[in-house]
Amino acid sequence: MAALSGTAGSVVYLTGGTTLVGELTEWRMDMTMSPVETTAFGDSWNKFIPSTRGATGSFSGNFDPSNGAQGSIVSAMLGGSAIALRLYASASKYFNIGTAYVNSMGPGISQKGKGDIQFGFTASDTVTLV
């Protein structure tokens, strides 16, 4: 398998259409699975079965108040609305997040720098790799 270049990454906002979130430079997602222990008397090794999974993540970049998708995500955060996202790792491979909630937002600006924005999210349904 070939390594992926970050230049092909992107975040697409799917709520109400399919819109590239402009000016982003990074995304990250952490997925978890909580196995349930089923070890019984007489077992010499712990035994587990799969259980629920979850995902949290973030994306960040240059703050651009004129970017419609960034504005929609800010509005979803402030209003407590669910969103849908695609996190692209390449032109043809992405993680599809059908329902997520923006649980953190961090705009910032410095006098000698540029405006930055960071969003955190929690998936509220299945995440798939397409």
C-alpha atoms as a PDB file:
ATOM      1  CA  MET A   1       0.000   0.000   0.000  1.00  0.00           C
ATOM      2  CA  ALA A   2       1.277   3.430  -0.871  1.00  0.00           C
ATOM      3  CA  ALA A   3       1.467   6.165   1.715  1.00  0.00           C
ATOM      4  CA  LEU A   4      -1.103   8.924   1.464  1.00  0.00           C
ATOM      5  CA  SER A   5      -0.207  12.549   0.935  1.00  0.00           C
ATOM      6  CA  GLY A   6      -1.861  15.128   3.135  1.00  0.00           C
ATOM      7  CA  THR A   7      -2.360  17.308   0.080  1.00  0.00           C
ATOM      8  CA  ALA A   8      -5.265  15.058  -0.942  1.00  0.00           C
ATOM      9  CA  GLY A   9      -7.102  15.418   2.371  1.00  0.00           C
ATOM     10  CA  SER A  10     -10.246  17.456   2.854  1.00  0.00           C
ATOM     11  CA  VAL A  11     -13.405  17.788   4.919  1.00  0.00           C
ATOM     12  CA  VAL A  12     -16.789  17.881   3.201  1.00  0.00           C
ATOM     13  CA  TYR A  13     -19.910  19.181   4.946  1.00  0.00           C
ATOM     14  CA  LEU A  14     -22.923  17.105   3.830  1.00  0.00           C
ATOM     15  CA  THR A  15     -25.792  18.740   5.700  1.00  0.00           C
ATOM     16  CA  GLY A  16     -28.063  20.371   3.101  1.00  0.00           C
ATOM     17  CA  GLY A  17     -25.732  19.543   0.199  1.00  0.00           C
ATOM     18  CA  THR A  18     -22.145  18.539  -0.502  1.00  0.00           C
ATOM     19  CA  THR A  19     -19.791  21.419   0.285  1.00  0.00           C
ATOM     20  CA  LEU A  20     -16.029  21.429   0.728  1.00  0.00           C
ATOM     21  CA  VAL A  21     -15.091  23.148   3.997  1.00  0.00           C
ATOM     22  CA  GLY A  22     -12.596  25.731   2.801  1.00  0.00           C
ATOM     23  CA  GLU A  23      -9.264  26.715   4.309  1.00  0.00           C
ATOM     24  CA  LEU A  24      -8.792  23.574   6.429  1.00  0.00           C
ATOM     25  CA  THR A  25      -5.317  22.127   6.901  1.00  0.00           C
ATOM     26  CA  GLU A  26      -5.825  19.102   9.143  1.00  0.00           C
ATOM     27  CA  TRP A  27      -8.356  16.533  10.317  1.00  0.00           C
ATOM     28  CA  ARG A  28      -8.075  13.721  12.843  1.00  0.00           C
ATOM     29  CA  MET A  29     -10.454  11.001  14.014  1.00  0.00           C
ATOM     30  CA  ASP A  30     -10.165   8.557  16.907  1.00  0.00           C
ATOM     31  CA  MET A  31     -12.359   5.460  16.820  1.00  0.00           C
ATOM     32  CA  THR A  32     -12.949   3.162  19.765  1.00  0.00           C
ATOM     33  CA  MET A  33     -14.587  -0.195  20.472  1.00  0.00           C
ATOM     34  CA  SER A  34     -15.576  -1.272  23.984  1.00  0.00           C
ATOM     35  CA  PRO A  35     -15.372  -5.077  24.170  1.00  0.00           C
ATOM     36  CA  VAL A  36     -17.478  -6.829  26.800  1.00  0.00           C
ATOM     37  CA  GLU A  37     -15.770  -9.440  28.935  1.00  0.00           C
ATOM     38  CA  THR A  38     -17.371 -12.908  28.909  1.00  0.00           C
ATOM     39  CA  THR A  39     -14.748 -14.813  30.933  1.00  0.00           C
ATOM     40  CA  ALA A  40     -16.370 -17.608  32.937  1.00  0.00           C
ATOM     41  CA  PHE A  41     -15.295 -19.987  35.692  1.00  0.00           C
ATOM     42  CA  GLY A  42     -12.714 -22.425  34.398  1.00  0.00           C
ATOM     43  CA  ASP A  43     -11.449 -20.165  31.578  1.00  0.00           C
ATOM     44  CA  SER A  44      -7.673 -19.763  31.634  1.00  0.00           C
ATOM     45  CA  TRP A  45      -7.739 -16.672  29.376  1.00  0.00           C
ATOM     46  CA  ASN A  46      -9.969 -13.623  29.435  1.00  0.00           C
ATOM     47  CA  LYS A  47     -12.636 -13.746  26.732  1.00  0.00           C
ATOM     48  CA  PHE A  48     -14.386 -10.829  25.077  1.00  0.00           C
ATOM     49  CA  ILE A  49     -17.094 -10.139  22.531  1.00  0.00           C
ATOM     50  CA  PRO A  50     -17.355  -6.978  20.424  1.00  0.00           C
ATOM     51  CA  SER A  51     -19.670  -4.248  21.613  1.00  0.00           C
ATOM     52  CA  THR A  52     -20.376  -0.631  20.833  1.00  0.00           C
ATOM     53  CA  ARG A  53     -18.053   1.583  18.834  1.00  0.00           C
ATOM     54  CA  GLY A  54     -17.603   5.322  18.862  1.00  0.00           C
ATOM     55  CA  ALA A  55     -15.685   8.066  17.132  1.00  0.00           C
ATOM     56  CA  THR A  56     -14.513  11.527  18.005  1.00  0.00           C
ATOM     57  CA  GLY A  57     -12.392  13.851  15.981  1.00  0.00           C
ATOM     58  CA  SER A  58     -11.371  17.323  15.005  1.00  0.00           C
ATOM     59  CA  PHE A  59     -10.517  19.458  12.011  1.00  0.00           C
ATOM     60  CA  SER A  60      -8.767  22.789  11.860  1.00  0.00           C
ATOM     61  CA  GLY A  61      -7.266  25.408   9.625  1.00  0.00           C
ATOM     62  CA  ASN A  62      -7.537  29.040   8.625  1.00  0.00           C
ATOM     63  CA  PHE A  63     -10.574  30.888   9.965  1.00  0.00           C
ATOM     64  CA  ASP A  64     -12.592  32.261   7.031  1.00  0.00           C
ATOM     65  CA  PRO A  65     -15.914  33.808   8.124  1.00  0.00           C
ATOM     66  CA  SER A  66     -16.909  34.176   4.456  1.00  0.00           C
ATOM     67  CA  ASN A  67     -16.685  30.406   3.844  1.00  0.00           C
ATOM     68  CA  GLY A  68     -20.262  29.102   3.810  1.00  0.00           C
ATOM     69  CA  ALA A  69     -19.438  25.633   5.138  1.00  0.00           C
ATOM     70  CA  GLN A  70     -17.397  27.016   8.045  1.00  0.00           C
ATOM     71  CA  GLY A  71     -20.319  29.322   8.852  1.00  0.00           C
ATOM     72  CA  SER A  72     -22.780  26.423   8.754  1.00  0.00           C
ATOM     73  CA  ILE A  73     -20.633  24.389  11.147  1.00  0.00           C
ATOM     74  CA  VAL A  74     -20.374  27.363  13.522  1.00  0.00           C
ATOM     75  CA  SER A  75     -24.180  27.699  13.381  1.00  0.00           C
ATOM     76  CA  ALA A  76     -24.635  23.967  14.059  1.00  0.00           C
ATOM     77  CA  MET A  77     -22.349  24.233  17.090  1.00  0.00           C
ATOM     78  CA  LEU A  78     -24.133  27.272  18.490  1.00  0.00           C
ATOM     79  CA  GLY A  79     -27.581  25.779  17.791  1.00  0.00           C
ATOM     80  CA  GLY A  80     -26.839  22.208  18.907  1.00  0.00           C
ATOM     81  CA  SER A  81     -27.746  20.736  15.511  1.00  0.00           C
ATOM     82  CA  ALA A  82     -26.438  17.491  14.052  1.00  0.00           C
ATOM     83  CA  ILE A  83     -24.219  17.560  10.979  1.00  0.00           C
ATOM     84  CA  ALA A  84     -22.923  15.004   8.473  1.00  0.00           C
ATOM     85  CA  LEU A  85     -19.316  14.902   7.259  1.00  0.00           C
ATOM     86  CA  ARG A  86     -16.877  13.158   4.977  1.00  0.00           C
ATOM     87  CA  LEU A  87     -13.207  13.106   5.955  1.00  0.00           C
ATOM     88  CA  TYR A  88     -11.176  12.509   2.786  1.00  0.00           C
ATOM     89  CA  ALA A  89      -7.802  10.772   3.018  1.00  0.00           C
ATOM     90  CA  SER A  90      -7.389  10.716  -0.783  1.00  0.00           C
ATOM     91  CA  ALA A  91      -9.439  11.662  -3.830  1.00  0.00           C
ATOM     92  CA  SER A  92     -11.365   8.369  -3.618  1.00  0.00           C
ATOM     93  CA  LYS A  93     -11.126   7.175   0.025  1.00  0.00           C
ATOM     94  CA  TYR A  94     -13.019   8.834   2.836  1.00  0.00           C
ATOM     95  CA  PHE A  95     -14.689   8.228   6.177  1.00  0.00           C
ATOM     96  CA  ASN A  96     -18.418   8.890   6.004  1.00  0.00           C
ATOM     97  CA  ILE A  97     -19.940  10.212   9.233  1.00  0.00           C
ATOM     98  CA  GLY A  98     -23.718  10.255   8.817  1.00  0.00           C
ATOM     99  CA  THR A  99     -24.552  11.992  12.091  1.00  0.00           C
ATOM    100  CA  ALA A 100     -22.209  13.987  14.309  1.00  0.00           C
ATOM    101  CA  TYR A 101     -22.390  16.791  16.827  1.00  0.00           C
ATOM    102  CA  VAL A 102     -19.859  19.602  16.984  1.00  0.00           C
ATOM    103  CA  ASN A 103     -18.843  19.524  20.640  1.00  0.00           C
ATOM    104  CA  SER A 104     -16.077  22.117  20.598  1.00  0.00           C
ATOM    105  CA  MET A 105     -15.063  25.116  18.572  1.00  0.00           C
ATOM    106  CA  GLY A 106     -11.972  27.242  18.976  1.00  0.00           C
ATOM    107  CA  PRO A 107     -11.570  30.319  16.850  1.00  0.00           C
ATOM    108  CA  GLY A 108      -8.474  32.380  17.525  1.00  0.00           C
ATOM    109  CA  ILE A 109      -6.444  35.221  16.113  1.00  0.00           C
ATOM    110  CA  SER A 110      -3.224  36.957  17.030  1.00  0.00           C
ATOM    111  CA  GLN A 111      -2.088  40.483  16.279  1.00  0.00           C
ATOM    112  CA  LYS A 112       0.891  39.270  14.239  1.00  0.00           C
ATOM    113  CA  GLY A 113      -0.682  36.128  12.862  1.00  0.00           C
ATOM    114  CA  LYS A 114      -3.740  34.858  11.062  1.00  0.00           C
ATOM    115  CA  GLY A 115      -7.128  33.660  12.187  1.00  0.00           C
ATOM    116  CA  ASP A 116      -7.369  29.969  13.076  1.00  0.00           C
ATOM    117  CA  ILE A 117     -10.365  27.732  13.714  1.00  0.00           C
ATOM    118  CA  GLN A 118     -10.634  24.286  15.279  1.00  0.00           C
ATOM    119  CA  PHE A 119     -13.769  22.131  15.506  1.00  0.00           C
ATOM    120  CA  GLY A 120     -14.222  18.973  17.579  1.00  0.00           C
ATOM    121  CA  PHE A 121     -16.980  16.445  16.914  1.00  0.00           C
ATOM    122  CA  THR A 122     -18.538  13.266  18.269  1.00  0.00           C
ATOM    123  CA  ALA A 123     -20.099  10.773  15.859  1.00  0.00           C
ATOM    124  CA  SER A 124     -23.629   9.758  16.802  1.00  0.00           C
ATOM    125  CA  ASP A 125     -24.059   6.875  14.374  1.00  0.00           C
ATOM    126  CA  THR A 126     -22.115   4.515  12.121  1.00  0.00           C
ATOM    127  CA  VAL A 127     -18.808   5.607  10.589  1.00  0.00           C
ATOM    128  CA  THR A 128     -17.874   3.855   7.346  1.00  0.00           C
ATOM    129  CA  LEU A 129     -14.783   3.810   5.159  1.00  0.00           C
ATOM    130  CA  VAL A 130     -15.752   4.274   1.523  1.00  0.00           C
END
